[in-house]
Amino acid sequence: MQKEKRRLVVERKSQLKVSGGKINSNFKNKKVIAKRKVQIKTKEAYNAVMLEIDQLMKRGEANLSQAELKRLQIMAEAAEMYEDTHDPLPLPESLPEMIRMRMFQMQLNQAFTAKLLGVSDAKFSLILSGRQRPDIQFIKALHEKLKVDANLILQAL
């Protein structure tokens, strides 16, 4: 019964993906892998998926089979896509907040980010704390290296 409800609220799409896997000696055949794409359409479906994710997480990763781990990954990706479209995080308003958010998204630490942007650790720390205004070279590097939208940077200044 519970599986039937899930099927009603979660639409599954099959998508074929060609990988460069095993190639026969005649180089004609490529391995084709089927990957399920799950798309959550409603809030009820999202809640059902989140409950199932919670149940699997409570069991612990070590206690899950490979099939359950794969299912958990698929459901987590679907939930993330639903959250991104229906309940996105608010955009940061200040430049230091934008930099911190981008560092988090790219999994960069402060020292590496300073080096990447071409500034000293001390100057980068001052900019992040709001005690120093960024110069044009820093803003240009921020846009080019961290891919921060130029319009957002201008609005924050």
Protein backbone atom coordinates (compact mmCIF):
# COMPACT_ATOMS: atom_id res chain seq x y z
CA MET A 1 0.00 0.00 0.00
CA GLN A 2 2.78 2.42 0.93
CA LYS A 3 4.67 1.63 -2.28
CA GLU A 4 1.53 2.25 -4.33
CA LYS A 5 1.10 5.69 -2.73
CA ARG A 6 4.71 6.54 -3.52
CA ARG A 7 4.20 5.53 -7.12
CA LEU A 8 1.20 7.82 -7.34
CA VAL A 9 3.01 10.87 -6.03
CA VAL A 10 6.50 10.34 -7.42
CA GLU A 11 7.00 10.25 -11.16
CA ARG A 12 9.93 8.16 -12.33
CA LYS A 13 11.59 8.76 -15.63
CA SER A 14 14.07 6.42 -17.25
CA GLN A 15 17.03 8.02 -18.82
CA LEU A 16 19.75 6.22 -20.74
CA LYS A 17 23.27 7.39 -20.32
CA VAL A 18 26.09 6.28 -22.58
CA SER A 19 29.33 5.79 -20.72
CA GLY A 20 32.75 5.06 -22.06
CA GLY A 21 32.71 1.77 -20.14
CA LYS A 22 33.84 -1.50 -21.68
CA ILE A 23 34.53 -1.44 -25.37
CA ASN A 24 34.77 -4.68 -27.34
CA SER A 25 37.81 -5.43 -29.44
CA ASN A 26 35.96 -4.28 -32.56
CA PHE A 27 35.32 -0.85 -30.94
CA LYS A 28 31.67 -0.81 -32.04
CA ASN A 29 29.78 -1.45 -28.80
CA LYS A 30 29.70 0.88 -25.82
CA LYS A 31 28.24 -0.08 -22.49
CA VAL A 32 24.88 1.61 -21.86
CA ILE A 33 23.80 2.22 -18.28
CA ALA A 34 20.20 2.95 -17.30
CA LYS A 35 19.85 5.58 -14.61
CA ARG A 36 16.58 6.36 -12.88
CA LYS A 37 15.64 9.97 -12.56
CA VAL A 38 13.11 10.71 -9.83
CA GLN A 39 11.20 13.96 -9.88
CA ILE A 40 9.06 15.14 -6.99
CA LYS A 41 6.02 17.12 -8.10
CA THR A 42 4.03 17.87 -4.92
CA LYS A 43 4.58 18.78 -1.28
CA GLU A 44 2.95 15.48 -0.24
CA ALA A 45 5.42 13.52 -2.37
CA TYR A 46 8.29 15.54 -0.89
CA ASN A 47 7.08 14.77 2.65
CA ALA A 48 6.78 11.03 1.84
CA VAL A 49 10.29 10.97 0.38
CA MET A 50 11.69 12.83 3.38
CA LEU A 51 10.06 10.34 5.77
CA GLU A 52 11.63 7.44 3.91
CA ILE A 53 15.02 9.18 3.84
CA ASP A 54 14.72 9.74 7.59
CA GLN A 55 13.90 6.07 8.21
CA LEU A 56 16.89 4.92 6.16
CA MET A 57 19.21 7.41 7.86
CA LYS A 58 18.10 6.25 11.31
CA ARG A 59 19.18 2.71 10.41
CA GLY A 60 22.69 3.95 9.68
CA GLU A 61 24.72 3.78 6.51
CA ALA A 62 26.62 0.69 7.61
CA ASN A 63 23.35 -1.24 8.06
CA LEU A 64 21.98 -0.53 4.57
CA SER A 65 22.27 -2.78 1.54
CA GLN A 66 23.70 -1.49 -1.74
CA ALA A 67 20.20 -1.21 -3.20
CA GLU A 68 19.03 0.82 -0.18
CA LEU A 69 22.08 3.09 -0.43
CA LYS A 70 21.39 3.70 -4.10
CA ARG A 71 17.71 4.39 -3.36
CA LEU A 72 18.73 6.80 -0.58
CA GLN A 73 21.03 8.65 -2.98
CA ILE A 74 18.32 8.92 -5.66
CA MET A 75 15.73 10.16 -3.16
CA ALA A 76 18.16 12.67 -1.63
CA GLU A 77 18.95 14.11 -5.06
CA ALA A 78 15.25 14.35 -5.90
CA ALA A 79 14.52 16.08 -2.58
CA GLU A 80 17.37 18.52 -3.19
CA MET A 81 16.03 19.36 -6.67
CA TYR A 82 12.54 19.93 -5.21
CA GLU A 83 13.94 22.18 -2.46
CA ASP A 84 16.00 24.18 -4.95
CA THR A 85 12.97 24.91 -7.11
CA HIS A 86 10.24 25.34 -4.47
CA ASP A 87 12.09 26.70 -1.44
CA PRO A 88 15.43 28.21 -2.54
CA LEU A 89 17.81 29.72 -0.03
CA PRO A 90 17.69 33.52 0.11
CA LEU A 91 20.52 35.26 -1.69
CA PRO A 92 23.05 36.96 0.58
CA GLU A 93 22.82 40.73 0.67
CA SER A 94 26.37 41.71 1.59
CA LEU A 95 29.58 40.94 -0.26
CA PRO A 96 31.19 39.06 2.67
CA GLU A 97 28.08 36.86 2.94
CA MET A 98 28.26 36.13 -0.81
CA ILE A 99 31.91 35.17 -0.54
CA ARG A 100 31.28 32.91 2.46
CA MET A 101 28.34 31.21 0.71
CA ARG A 102 30.41 30.62 -2.44
CA MET A 103 33.31 29.29 -0.36
CA PHE A 104 30.91 26.86 1.31
CA GLN A 105 29.45 25.75 -2.02
CA MET A 106 32.88 25.19 -3.53
CA GLN A 107 34.24 23.69 -0.28
CA LEU A 108 37.12 26.16 -0.08
CA ASN A 109 38.90 27.33 3.04
CA GLN A 110 39.77 30.96 3.69
CA ALA A 111 43.52 30.67 3.02
CA PHE A 112 43.05 28.90 -0.32
CA THR A 113 40.35 31.35 -1.41
CA ALA A 114 42.62 34.31 -0.61
CA LYS A 115 45.39 32.76 -2.69
CA LEU A 116 42.93 31.99 -5.51
CA LEU A 117 41.73 35.60 -5.57
CA GLY A 118 45.27 36.97 -5.48
CA VAL A 119 45.14 38.76 -2.12
CA SER A 120 46.93 38.26 1.17
CA ASP A 121 45.27 36.33 3.98
CA ALA A 122 45.15 39.49 6.10
CA LYS A 123 43.45 41.57 3.40
CA PHE A 124 40.97 38.79 2.69
CA SER A 125 40.17 38.53 6.40
CA LEU A 126 39.56 42.29 6.56
CA ILE A 127 37.23 42.15 3.53
CA LEU A 128 35.29 39.22 5.03
CA SER A 129 34.90 41.06 8.33
CA GLY A 130 33.70 44.20 6.53
CA ARG A 131 36.55 46.38 7.82
CA GLN A 132 38.03 46.94 4.36
CA ARG A 133 36.28 47.64 1.07
CA PRO A 134 37.36 45.44 -1.85
CA ASP A 135 39.29 46.95 -4.74
CA ILE A 136 38.50 46.49 -8.43
CA GLN A 137 41.05 43.69 -8.94
CA PHE A 138 39.53 41.75 -6.06
CA ILE A 139 35.98 42.18 -7.42
CA LYS A 140 37.11 41.10 -10.90
CA ALA A 141 38.82 38.00 -9.46
CA LEU A 142 35.72 37.26 -7.39
CA HIS A 143 33.59 37.29 -10.54
CA GLU A 144 36.05 35.31 -12.69
CA LYS A 145 37.43 32.77 -10.21
CA LEU A 146 34.49 32.14 -7.88
CA LYS A 147 31.84 32.77 -10.58
CA VAL A 148 29.87 35.22 -8.46
CA ASP A 149 27.31 37.06 -10.58
CA ALA A 150 28.51 40.58 -11.38
CA ASN A 151 25.03 42.05 -10.87
CA LEU A 152 24.90 40.65 -7.34
CA ILE A 153 28.35 42.07 -6.58
CA LEU A 154 27.28 45.53 -7.79
CA GLN A 155 24.08 45.41 -5.74
CA ALA A 156 26.07 44.50 -2.62
CA LEU A 157 28.50 47.42 -2.98
